[in-house]
Amino acid sequence: MRRFLGGAALMALAACDPAGGFDPDFRHINSANLDTSAAARQAIAARPVADARGVISYPNYQV
């Protein structure tokens, strides 16, 4: 219980970082060795331009 509370306190303090600099690497916890780097690169891609009707088309859906 003490470790859990200590970890929760650390996470709460890290969330207060105004620059958002707290970025731990949790990849070693997962045994499947998932690689999410492609998804992260796509997440910061520029928004597509809307067509004449105002529809914004993404690879998997439209808004």
N, C-alpha and C. Protein backbone atom coordinates (compact mmCIF):
# COMPACT_ATOMS: atom_id res chain seq x y z
N MET A 1 0.82 -1.19 0.00
CA MET A 1 0.00 0.00 0.00
C MET A 1 0.87 1.26 0.00
N ARG A 2 1.97 1.18 0.74
CA ARG A 2 2.85 2.34 0.84
C ARG A 2 3.49 2.65 -0.52
N ARG A 3 3.88 1.62 -1.27
CA ARG A 3 4.47 1.84 -2.60
C ARG A 3 3.44 2.44 -3.55
N PHE A 4 2.22 1.96 -3.47
CA PHE A 4 1.16 2.49 -4.33
C PHE A 4 0.94 3.97 -4.06
N LEU A 5 0.85 4.33 -2.79
CA LEU A 5 0.64 5.74 -2.45
C LEU A 5 1.84 6.59 -2.86
N GLY A 6 3.03 6.05 -2.71
CA GLY A 6 4.22 6.78 -3.15
C GLY A 6 4.22 6.99 -4.65
N GLY A 7 3.85 5.96 -5.39
CA GLY A 7 3.76 6.09 -6.85
C GLY A 7 2.68 7.07 -7.27
N ALA A 8 1.54 7.02 -6.59
CA ALA A 8 0.45 7.95 -6.89
C ALA A 8 0.88 9.38 -6.60
N ALA A 9 1.60 9.59 -5.51
CA ALA A 9 2.08 10.94 -5.19
C ALA A 9 3.08 11.42 -6.23
N LEU A 10 3.95 10.54 -6.68
CA LEU A 10 4.91 10.91 -7.71
C LEU A 10 4.21 11.29 -9.01
N MET A 11 3.22 10.51 -9.41
CA MET A 11 2.47 10.82 -10.63
C MET A 11 1.72 12.14 -10.49
N ALA A 12 1.15 12.40 -9.33
CA ALA A 12 0.43 13.65 -9.11
C ALA A 12 1.38 14.84 -9.20
N LEU A 13 2.56 14.72 -8.62
CA LEU A 13 3.53 15.80 -8.71
C LEU A 13 4.04 15.99 -10.14
N ALA A 14 4.23 14.90 -10.85
CA ALA A 14 4.71 14.98 -12.23
C ALA A 14 3.66 15.62 -13.12
N ALA A 15 2.39 15.43 -12.81
CA ALA A 15 1.32 16.03 -13.60
C ALA A 15 1.29 17.54 -13.46
N CYS A 16 1.92 18.06 -12.43
CA CYS A 16 1.95 19.51 -12.20
C CYS A 16 3.03 20.20 -13.02
N ASP A 17 3.84 19.46 -13.75
CA ASP A 17 4.91 20.04 -14.55
C ASP A 17 4.31 20.89 -15.66
N PRO A 18 4.50 22.21 -15.64
CA PRO A 18 3.86 23.07 -16.65
C PRO A 18 4.39 22.84 -18.06
N ALA A 19 5.60 22.36 -18.18
CA ALA A 19 6.17 22.15 -19.52
C ALA A 19 5.81 20.78 -20.07
N GLY A 20 5.18 19.93 -19.28
CA GLY A 20 4.83 18.58 -19.73
C GLY A 20 6.05 17.72 -19.95
N GLY A 21 7.10 17.93 -19.17
CA GLY A 21 8.35 17.22 -19.37
C GLY A 21 8.38 15.81 -18.81
N PHE A 22 7.38 15.40 -18.05
CA PHE A 22 7.38 14.05 -17.47
C PHE A 22 6.93 13.07 -18.53
N ASP A 23 7.84 12.26 -19.03
CA ASP A 23 7.53 11.32 -20.10
C ASP A 23 8.30 10.02 -19.86
N PRO A 24 7.83 9.19 -18.92
CA PRO A 24 8.55 7.94 -18.64
C PRO A 24 8.37 6.92 -19.76
N ASP A 25 9.32 6.03 -19.86
CA ASP A 25 9.28 4.98 -20.88
C ASP A 25 8.79 3.69 -20.24
N PHE A 26 7.55 3.30 -20.54
CA PHE A 26 6.95 2.11 -19.94
C PHE A 26 7.01 0.89 -20.86
N ARG A 27 7.79 0.95 -21.93
CA ARG A 27 7.82 -0.16 -22.88
C ARG A 27 8.37 -1.45 -22.28
N HIS A 28 9.24 -1.35 -21.30
CA HIS A 28 9.83 -2.55 -20.70
C HIS A 28 8.83 -3.33 -19.85
N ILE A 29 7.71 -2.72 -19.49
CA ILE A 29 6.71 -3.40 -18.66
C ILE A 29 5.93 -4.43 -19.47
N ASN A 30 5.66 -4.13 -20.72
CA ASN A 30 4.86 -5.00 -21.57
C ASN A 30 5.74 -6.08 -22.19
N SER A 31 5.32 -7.32 -22.08
CA SER A 31 6.12 -8.42 -22.63
C SER A 31 5.92 -8.59 -24.13
N ALA A 32 4.91 -7.94 -24.73
CA ALA A 32 4.63 -8.09 -26.16
C ALA A 32 5.51 -7.18 -27.01
N ASN A 33 6.25 -6.26 -26.40
CA ASN A 33 7.11 -5.32 -27.12
C ASN A 33 6.37 -4.58 -28.22
N LEU A 34 5.29 -3.95 -27.86
CA LEU A 34 4.51 -3.19 -28.82
C LEU A 34 5.25 -1.93 -29.24
N ASP A 35 5.20 -1.61 -30.50
CA ASP A 35 5.83 -0.41 -31.03
C ASP A 35 4.74 0.56 -31.45
N THR A 36 4.62 1.66 -30.74
CA THR A 36 3.59 2.65 -31.04
C THR A 36 4.17 3.90 -31.69
N SER A 37 5.41 3.83 -32.15
CA SER A 37 6.03 5.02 -32.71
C SER A 37 5.33 5.50 -33.98
N ALA A 38 4.83 4.59 -34.80
CA ALA A 38 4.11 5.01 -36.02
C ALA A 38 2.82 5.73 -35.67
N ALA A 39 2.11 5.25 -34.67
CA ALA A 39 0.88 5.92 -34.24
C ALA A 39 1.18 7.29 -33.65
N ALA A 40 2.28 7.41 -32.95
CA ALA A 40 2.65 8.71 -32.39
C ALA A 40 3.00 9.70 -33.49
N ARG A 41 3.68 9.25 -34.52
CA ARG A 41 4.01 10.16 -35.63
C ARG A 41 2.75 10.59 -36.37
N GLN A 42 1.79 9.69 -36.52
CA GLN A 42 0.56 10.02 -37.21
C GLN A 42 -0.30 10.96 -36.37
N ALA A 43 -0.22 10.86 -35.07
CA ALA A 43 -1.04 11.69 -34.19
C ALA A 43 -0.69 13.16 -34.30
N ILE A 44 0.54 13.47 -34.68
CA ILE A 44 0.93 14.87 -34.77
C ILE A 44 0.94 15.37 -36.21
N ALA A 45 0.38 14.59 -37.12
CA ALA A 45 0.32 14.99 -38.52
C ALA A 45 -0.62 16.19 -38.67
N ALA A 46 -0.38 16.98 -39.69
CA ALA A 46 -1.21 18.16 -39.94
C ALA A 46 -2.63 17.74 -40.33
N ARG A 47 -3.59 18.56 -39.97
CA ARG A 47 -4.99 18.27 -40.29
C ARG A 47 -5.21 18.44 -41.79
N PRO A 48 -5.91 17.52 -42.43
CA PRO A 48 -6.19 17.65 -43.86
C PRO A 48 -7.06 18.87 -44.14
N VAL A 49 -6.95 19.39 -45.34
CA VAL A 49 -7.74 20.55 -45.76
C VAL A 49 -9.16 20.09 -46.10
N ALA A 50 -10.14 20.89 -45.73
CA ALA A 50 -11.53 20.57 -46.04
C ALA A 50 -11.80 20.75 -47.53
N ASP A 51 -12.73 19.94 -48.05
CA ASP A 51 -13.11 20.09 -49.46
C ASP A 51 -14.12 21.23 -49.61
N ALA A 52 -14.70 21.38 -50.78
CA ALA A 52 -15.62 22.49 -51.06
C ALA A 52 -16.86 22.45 -50.18
N ARG A 53 -17.24 21.25 -49.71
CA ARG A 53 -18.41 21.11 -48.84
C ARG A 53 -18.07 21.29 -47.37
N GLY A 54 -16.81 21.43 -47.06
CA GLY A 54 -16.38 21.56 -45.67
C GLY A 54 -16.09 20.24 -45.00
N VAL A 55 -16.04 19.16 -45.78
CA VAL A 55 -15.78 17.83 -45.23
C VAL A 55 -14.28 17.61 -45.12
N ILE A 56 -13.84 17.22 -43.93
CA ILE A 56 -12.44 16.90 -43.70
C ILE A 56 -12.32 15.38 -43.76
N SER A 57 -11.53 14.87 -44.69
CA SER A 57 -11.39 13.42 -44.87
C SER A 57 -10.08 12.93 -44.27
N TYR A 58 -10.19 11.96 -43.38
CA TYR A 58 -9.05 11.27 -42.80
C TYR A 58 -8.97 9.89 -43.43
N PRO A 59 -7.89 9.15 -43.23
CA PRO A 59 -7.78 7.83 -43.85
C PRO A 59 -8.92 6.88 -43.48
N ASN A 60 -9.46 6.97 -42.28
CA ASN A 60 -10.46 6.00 -41.83
C ASN A 60 -11.85 6.59 -41.60
N TYR A 61 -12.01 7.90 -41.69
CA TYR A 61 -13.33 8.49 -41.44
C TYR A 61 -13.37 9.91 -41.99
N GLN A 62 -14.56 10.50 -41.96
CA GLN A 62 -14.75 11.88 -42.40
C GLN A 62 -15.43 12.67 -41.29
N VAL A 63 -15.12 13.96 -41.24
CA VAL A 63 -15.73 14.84 -40.26
C VAL A 63 -16.45 15.95 -40.99
